[in-house]
Amino acid sequence: MINNNDLLPVLAQAGELAVVSVDGQPVVTANVLAKALGYAHERSVRILFNRNKDSFKEMERQCDYSHKGGINMTPPYDTGVVNLTTPGGEQQVRFFTKRGALKICMKSNQLKAIQVQEMLIDLYEAVESQRLVPIEALQEVQRRLDELAFEVKRLADVQQSKIVYLPKASSKARATDLEAA
């Protein structure tokens, strides 16, 4: 099984629970949600979802996602499936929006469900209030800083090459030069 967090940009994280981005929308993958709830396998969340499918609004269509280009989705929907292109091939990953993830927690009989619900609310609120800086923004800042550092080094090298070092004049020669002036 692939680690979805390696493929989708993480917006917020608390322990194993991570809110990731699918085309700018904060979502939680079924795999991550299952682990947070204490289920041994992702299929436990899929079973919960399938048992209660009528209470979830599913995205109209499947969507493809790659790091090169995103997809355009507009909530409100509770869940969807994204096709991730990985080195191992194409993988289908179920994800849940804030509404969908909270519904899964409400339908779960796991002891950790209320705790996971609270963590999800905190994480989603942090993302929604923009108290967190998206990783893409940090990566862009780092890229720009690297470019600027390279340019400063290049300019320093150019400036260094323009400096002409003259041999030190003896104190006697300097005194003669001063008298002549």
C-alpha atoms as a PDB file:
ATOM      1  CA  MET A   1       0.000   0.000   0.000  1.00  0.00           C
ATOM      2  CA  ILE A   2       1.288   3.447  -0.859  1.00  0.00           C
ATOM      3  CA  ASN A   3       1.704   6.175   1.707  1.00  0.00           C
ATOM      4  CA  ASN A   4      -0.730   8.803   0.467  1.00  0.00           C
ATOM      5  CA  ASN A   5       0.983  11.581   2.410  1.00  0.00           C
ATOM      6  CA  ASP A   6       4.064  11.178   0.222  1.00  0.00           C
ATOM      7  CA  LEU A   7       1.959  11.878  -2.875  1.00  0.00           C
ATOM      8  CA  LEU A   8      -0.534  14.506  -1.717  1.00  0.00           C
ATOM      9  CA  PRO A   9       0.587  17.805  -0.147  1.00  0.00           C
ATOM     10  CA  VAL A  10       0.041  17.778   3.636  1.00  0.00           C
ATOM     11  CA  LEU A  11      -1.795  20.867   4.905  1.00  0.00           C
ATOM     12  CA  ALA A  12      -1.945  19.972   8.602  1.00  0.00           C
ATOM     13  CA  GLN A  13      -0.920  17.038  10.737  1.00  0.00           C
ATOM     14  CA  ALA A  14      -1.404  15.806  14.297  1.00  0.00           C
ATOM     15  CA  GLY A  15       0.272  12.469  14.945  1.00  0.00           C
ATOM     16  CA  GLU A  16      -0.777  10.022  12.239  1.00  0.00           C
ATOM     17  CA  LEU A  17      -3.786  12.128  11.281  1.00  0.00           C
ATOM     18  CA  ALA A  18      -3.050  14.363   8.300  1.00  0.00           C
ATOM     19  CA  VAL A  19      -5.213  16.704   6.256  1.00  0.00           C
ATOM     20  CA  VAL A  20      -3.930  16.669   2.688  1.00  0.00           C
ATOM     21  CA  SER A  21      -4.727  18.707  -0.387  1.00  0.00           C
ATOM     22  CA  VAL A  22      -6.479  17.441  -3.475  1.00  0.00           C
ATOM     23  CA  ASP A  23      -6.585  20.361  -5.900  1.00  0.00           C
ATOM     24  CA  GLY A  24      -6.490  22.811  -3.042  1.00  0.00           C
ATOM     25  CA  GLN A  25      -9.333  21.144  -1.125  1.00  0.00           C
ATOM     26  CA  PRO A  26      -8.459  19.867   2.372  1.00  0.00           C
ATOM     27  CA  VAL A  27      -9.303  16.173   2.639  1.00  0.00           C
ATOM     28  CA  VAL A  28      -8.403  13.079   4.664  1.00  0.00           C
ATOM     29  CA  THR A  29      -7.675   9.780   2.946  1.00  0.00           C
ATOM     30  CA  ALA A  30      -9.546   6.647   4.034  1.00  0.00           C
ATOM     31  CA  ASN A  31      -6.224   4.996   4.892  1.00  0.00           C
ATOM     32  CA  VAL A  32      -5.160   7.812   7.251  1.00  0.00           C
ATOM     33  CA  LEU A  33      -8.639   8.007   8.804  1.00  0.00           C
ATOM     34  CA  ALA A  34      -8.668   4.245   9.426  1.00  0.00           C
ATOM     35  CA  LYS A  35      -5.286   4.370  11.187  1.00  0.00           C
ATOM     36  CA  ALA A  36      -6.351   7.364  13.312  1.00  0.00           C
ATOM     37  CA  LEU A  37      -9.526   5.557  14.391  1.00  0.00           C
ATOM     38  CA  GLY A  38      -7.510   2.479  15.340  1.00  0.00           C
ATOM     39  CA  TYR A  39      -8.705   0.168  12.596  1.00  0.00           C
ATOM     40  CA  ALA A  40      -6.230  -2.431  11.382  1.00  0.00           C
ATOM     41  CA  HIS A  41      -7.163  -1.944   7.727  1.00  0.00           C
ATOM     42  CA  GLU A  42      -8.516   0.774   5.467  1.00  0.00           C
ATOM     43  CA  ARG A  43     -11.329  -1.557   4.431  1.00  0.00           C
ATOM     44  CA  SER A  44     -12.990  -0.941   7.840  1.00  0.00           C
ATOM     45  CA  VAL A  45     -13.599   2.679   6.823  1.00  0.00           C
ATOM     46  CA  ARG A  46     -14.747   1.546   3.378  1.00  0.00           C
ATOM     47  CA  ILE A  47     -17.223  -0.856   5.041  1.00  0.00           C
ATOM     48  CA  LEU A  48     -18.547   1.986   7.238  1.00  0.00           C
ATOM     49  CA  PHE A  49     -18.881   4.167   4.166  1.00  0.00           C
ATOM     50  CA  ASN A  50     -20.601   1.472   2.067  1.00  0.00           C
ATOM     51  CA  ARG A  51     -23.012   0.593   4.908  1.00  0.00           C
ATOM     52  CA  ASN A  52     -24.047   4.248   5.179  1.00  0.00           C
ATOM     53  CA  LYS A  53     -23.599   5.305   1.568  1.00  0.00           C
ATOM     54  CA  ASP A  54     -26.991   7.030   1.453  1.00  0.00           C
ATOM     55  CA  SER A  55     -25.840   9.594   4.056  1.00  0.00           C
ATOM     56  CA  PHE A  56     -22.745  10.598   2.043  1.00  0.00           C
ATOM     57  CA  LYS A  57     -22.729  12.887  -0.947  1.00  0.00           C
ATOM     58  CA  GLU A  58     -20.238  11.408  -3.380  1.00  0.00           C
ATOM     59  CA  MET A  59     -18.448  13.383  -6.017  1.00  0.00           C
ATOM     60  CA  GLU A  60     -20.192  12.990  -9.363  1.00  0.00           C
ATOM     61  CA  ARG A  61     -17.138  11.563 -11.100  1.00  0.00           C
ATOM     62  CA  GLN A  62     -13.779  10.066 -10.386  1.00  0.00           C
ATOM     63  CA  CYS A  63     -10.928  12.446 -10.755  1.00  0.00           C
ATOM     64  CA  ASP A  64      -7.329  12.146 -11.797  1.00  0.00           C
ATOM     65  CA  TYR A  65      -4.598  13.862  -9.850  1.00  0.00           C
ATOM     66  CA  SER A  66      -0.928  14.251 -10.495  1.00  0.00           C
ATOM     67  CA  HIS A  67       1.685  16.633  -9.136  1.00  0.00           C
ATOM     68  CA  LYS A  68       1.945  18.255 -12.575  1.00  0.00           C
ATOM     69  CA  GLY A  69      -1.670  19.392 -12.657  1.00  0.00           C
ATOM     70  CA  GLY A  70      -4.581  19.251 -10.268  1.00  0.00           C
ATOM     71  CA  ILE A  71      -8.263  18.653 -10.695  1.00  0.00           C
ATOM     72  CA  ASN A  72     -11.131  21.042 -10.339  1.00  0.00           C
ATOM     73  CA  MET A  73     -13.631  20.001  -7.677  1.00  0.00           C
ATOM     74  CA  THR A  74     -16.210  22.115  -5.937  1.00  0.00           C
ATOM     75  CA  PRO A  75     -17.645  21.045  -2.574  1.00  0.00           C
ATOM     76  CA  PRO A  76     -20.100  20.319  -0.998  1.00  0.00           C
ATOM     77  CA  TYR A  77     -19.465  16.656  -1.290  1.00  0.00           C
ATOM     78  CA  ASP A  78     -18.424  14.264   1.439  1.00  0.00           C
ATOM     79  CA  THR A  79     -16.189  11.839  -0.395  1.00  0.00           C
ATOM     80  CA  GLY A  80     -14.573  10.950  -3.666  1.00  0.00           C
ATOM     81  CA  VAL A  81     -11.913   8.831  -5.289  1.00  0.00           C
ATOM     82  CA  VAL A  82      -8.720  10.185  -6.761  1.00  0.00           C
ATOM     83  CA  ASN A  83      -6.460   8.286  -9.140  1.00  0.00           C
ATOM     84  CA  LEU A  84      -2.860   8.869  -8.103  1.00  0.00           C
ATOM     85  CA  THR A  85      -0.050   8.205 -10.520  1.00  0.00           C
ATOM     86  CA  THR A  86       2.718   6.547  -8.539  1.00  0.00           C
ATOM     87  CA  PRO A  87       5.980   4.811  -9.456  1.00  0.00           C
ATOM     88  CA  GLY A  88       4.082   1.539  -8.930  1.00  0.00           C
ATOM     89  CA  GLY A  89       1.310   2.554 -11.315  1.00  0.00           C
ATOM     90  CA  GLU A  90      -2.103   4.085 -10.925  1.00  0.00           C
ATOM     91  CA  GLN A  91      -3.704   3.839  -7.467  1.00  0.00           C
ATOM     92  CA  GLN A  92      -7.288   4.657  -6.500  1.00  0.00           C
ATOM     93  CA  VAL A  93      -7.512   6.458  -3.170  1.00  0.00           C
ATOM     94  CA  ARG A  94     -10.768   7.263  -1.366  1.00  0.00           C
ATOM     95  CA  PHE A  95     -10.788  10.593   0.431  1.00  0.00           C
ATOM     96  CA  PHE A  96     -13.211  12.421   2.700  1.00  0.00           C
ATOM     97  CA  THR A  97     -13.862  16.130   3.069  1.00  0.00           C
ATOM     98  CA  LYS A  98     -14.348  17.621   6.522  1.00  0.00           C
ATOM     99  CA  ARG A  99     -18.043  16.676   6.444  1.00  0.00           C
ATOM    100  CA  GLY A 100     -17.344  13.163   5.251  1.00  0.00           C
ATOM    101  CA  ALA A 101     -14.544  12.482   7.736  1.00  0.00           C
ATOM    102  CA  LEU A 102     -16.704  13.710  10.625  1.00  0.00           C
ATOM    103  CA  LYS A 103     -19.588  11.503   9.428  1.00  0.00           C
ATOM    104  CA  ILE A 104     -17.261   8.474   9.399  1.00  0.00           C
ATOM    105  CA  CYS A 105     -16.239   9.279  12.986  1.00  0.00           C
ATOM    106  CA  MET A 106     -19.896   9.591  14.037  1.00  0.00           C
ATOM    107  CA  LYS A 107     -20.729   6.218  12.486  1.00  0.00           C
ATOM    108  CA  SER A 108     -17.668   4.510  13.977  1.00  0.00           C
ATOM    109  CA  ASN A 109     -17.918   2.512  17.196  1.00  0.00           C
ATOM    110  CA  GLN A 110     -14.203   2.870  17.904  1.00  0.00           C
ATOM    111  CA  LEU A 111     -13.257   4.285  21.318  1.00  0.00           C
ATOM    112  CA  LYS A 112     -10.993   6.868  19.649  1.00  0.00           C
ATOM    113  CA  ALA A 113     -13.766   8.216  17.396  1.00  0.00           C
ATOM    114  CA  ILE A 114     -14.596  11.263  19.541  1.00  0.00           C
ATOM    115  CA  GLN A 115     -10.905  12.074  20.003  1.00  0.00           C
ATOM    116  CA  VAL A 116     -10.325  11.774  16.238  1.00  0.00           C
ATOM    117  CA  GLN A 117     -13.360  13.982  15.607  1.00  0.00           C
ATOM    118  CA  GLU A 118     -11.883  16.700  17.844  1.00  0.00           C
ATOM    119  CA  MET A 119      -8.486  16.404  16.148  1.00  0.00           C
ATOM    120  CA  LEU A 120     -10.113  16.664  12.714  1.00  0.00           C
ATOM    121  CA  ILE A 121     -12.042  19.779  13.735  1.00  0.00           C
ATOM    122  CA  ASP A 122      -8.843  21.380  15.067  1.00  0.00           C
ATOM    123  CA  LEU A 123      -6.851  20.486  11.941  1.00  0.00           C
ATOM    124  CA  TYR A 124      -9.533  21.664   9.515  1.00  0.00           C
ATOM    125  CA  GLU A 125     -10.024  24.905  11.458  1.00  0.00           C
ATOM    126  CA  ALA A 126      -6.264  25.523  11.340  1.00  0.00           C
ATOM    127  CA  VAL A 127      -6.297  25.027   7.560  1.00  0.00           C
ATOM    128  CA  GLU A 128      -9.451  27.100   7.041  1.00  0.00           C
ATOM    129  CA  SER A 129      -8.239  30.001   9.190  1.00  0.00           C
ATOM    130  CA  GLN A 130      -4.909  29.896   7.358  1.00  0.00           C
ATOM    131  CA  ARG A 131      -2.981  29.716  10.619  1.00  0.00           C
ATOM    132  CA  LEU A 132      -0.832  27.197   8.806  1.00  0.00           C
ATOM    133  CA  VAL A 133       1.321  27.928   5.796  1.00  0.00           C
ATOM    134  CA  PRO A 134       0.726  25.421   2.987  1.00  0.00           C
ATOM    135  CA  ILE A 135       3.805  23.364   2.134  1.00  0.00           C
ATOM    136  CA  GLU A 136       3.616  24.570  -1.485  1.00  0.00           C
ATOM    137  CA  ALA A 137       4.061  28.162  -0.297  1.00  0.00           C
ATOM    138  CA  LEU A 138       7.057  27.208   1.844  1.00  0.00           C
ATOM    139  CA  GLN A 139       8.606  25.300  -1.035  1.00  0.00           C
ATOM    140  CA  GLU A 140       8.159  28.343  -3.293  1.00  0.00           C
ATOM    141  CA  VAL A 141       9.793  30.608  -0.692  1.00  0.00           C
ATOM    142  CA  GLN A 142      12.699  28.158  -0.354  1.00  0.00           C
ATOM    143  CA  ARG A 143      13.099  27.990  -4.146  1.00  0.00           C
ATOM    144  CA  ARG A 144      13.161  31.797  -4.372  1.00  0.00           C
ATOM    145  CA  LEU A 145      15.667  32.068  -1.510  1.00  0.00           C
ATOM    146  CA  ASP A 146      17.914  29.546  -3.267  1.00  0.00           C
ATOM    147  CA  GLU A 147      17.717  31.619  -6.473  1.00  0.00           C
ATOM    148  CA  LEU A 148      18.565  34.806  -4.579  1.00  0.00           C
ATOM    149  CA  ALA A 149      21.479  33.162  -2.749  1.00  0.00           C
ATOM    150  CA  PHE A 150      22.852  31.933  -6.076  1.00  0.00           C
ATOM    151  CA  GLU A 151      22.526  35.444  -7.570  1.00  0.00           C
ATOM    152  CA  VAL A 152      24.255  37.062  -4.560  1.00  0.00           C
ATOM    153  CA  LYS A 153      27.138  34.570  -4.840  1.00  0.00           C
ATOM    154  CA  ARG A 154      27.403  35.212  -8.565  1.00  0.00           C
ATOM    155  CA  LEU A 155      27.500  38.987  -8.032  1.00  0.00           C
ATOM    156  CA  ALA A 156      30.089  38.621  -5.272  1.00  0.00           C
ATOM    157  CA  ASP A 157      32.267  36.522  -7.599  1.00  0.00           C
ATOM    158  CA  VAL A 158      31.957  39.157 -10.357  1.00  0.00           C
ATOM    159  CA  GLN A 159      32.785  41.943  -7.913  1.00  0.00           C
ATOM    160  CA  GLN A 160      35.763  39.967  -6.573  1.00  0.00           C
ATOM    161  CA  SER A 161      37.128  39.528 -10.095  1.00  0.00           C
ATOM    162  CA  LYS A 162      36.965  43.312 -10.694  1.00  0.00           C
ATOM    163  CA  ILE A 163      39.068  44.190  -7.672  1.00  0.00           C
ATOM    164  CA  VAL A 164      42.641  44.946  -8.620  1.00  0.00           C
ATOM    165  CA  TYR A 165      45.200  44.378  -5.923  1.00  0.00           C
ATOM    166  CA  LEU A 166      48.190  46.686  -6.087  1.00  0.00           C
ATOM    167  CA  PRO A 167      51.414  45.839  -4.329  1.00  0.00           C
ATOM    168  CA  LYS A 168      52.035  47.732  -1.122  1.00  0.00           C
ATOM    169  CA  ALA A 169      54.215  50.738  -1.653  1.00  0.00           C
ATOM    170  CA  SER A 170      57.082  51.196   0.752  1.00  0.00           C
ATOM    171  CA  SER A 171      56.732  53.986   3.296  1.00  0.00           C
ATOM    172  CA  LYS A 172      59.658  55.829   1.629  1.00  0.00           C
ATOM    173  CA  ALA A 173      57.872  55.766  -1.768  1.00  0.00           C
ATOM    174  CA  ARG A 174      54.637  57.011  -0.166  1.00  0.00           C
ATOM    175  CA  ALA A 175      56.463  59.884   1.502  1.00  0.00           C
ATOM    176  CA  THR A 176      58.019  60.895  -1.847  1.00  0.00           C
ATOM    177  CA  ASP A 177      54.585  60.750  -3.511  1.00  0.00           C
ATOM    178  CA  LEU A 178      53.109  62.952  -0.796  1.00  0.00           C
ATOM    179  CA  GLU A 179      55.894  65.567  -1.125  1.00  0.00           C
ATOM    180  CA  ALA A 180      55.427  65.681  -4.912  1.00  0.00           C
ATOM    181  CA  ALA A 181      51.748  66.423  -4.492  1.00  0.00           C
END
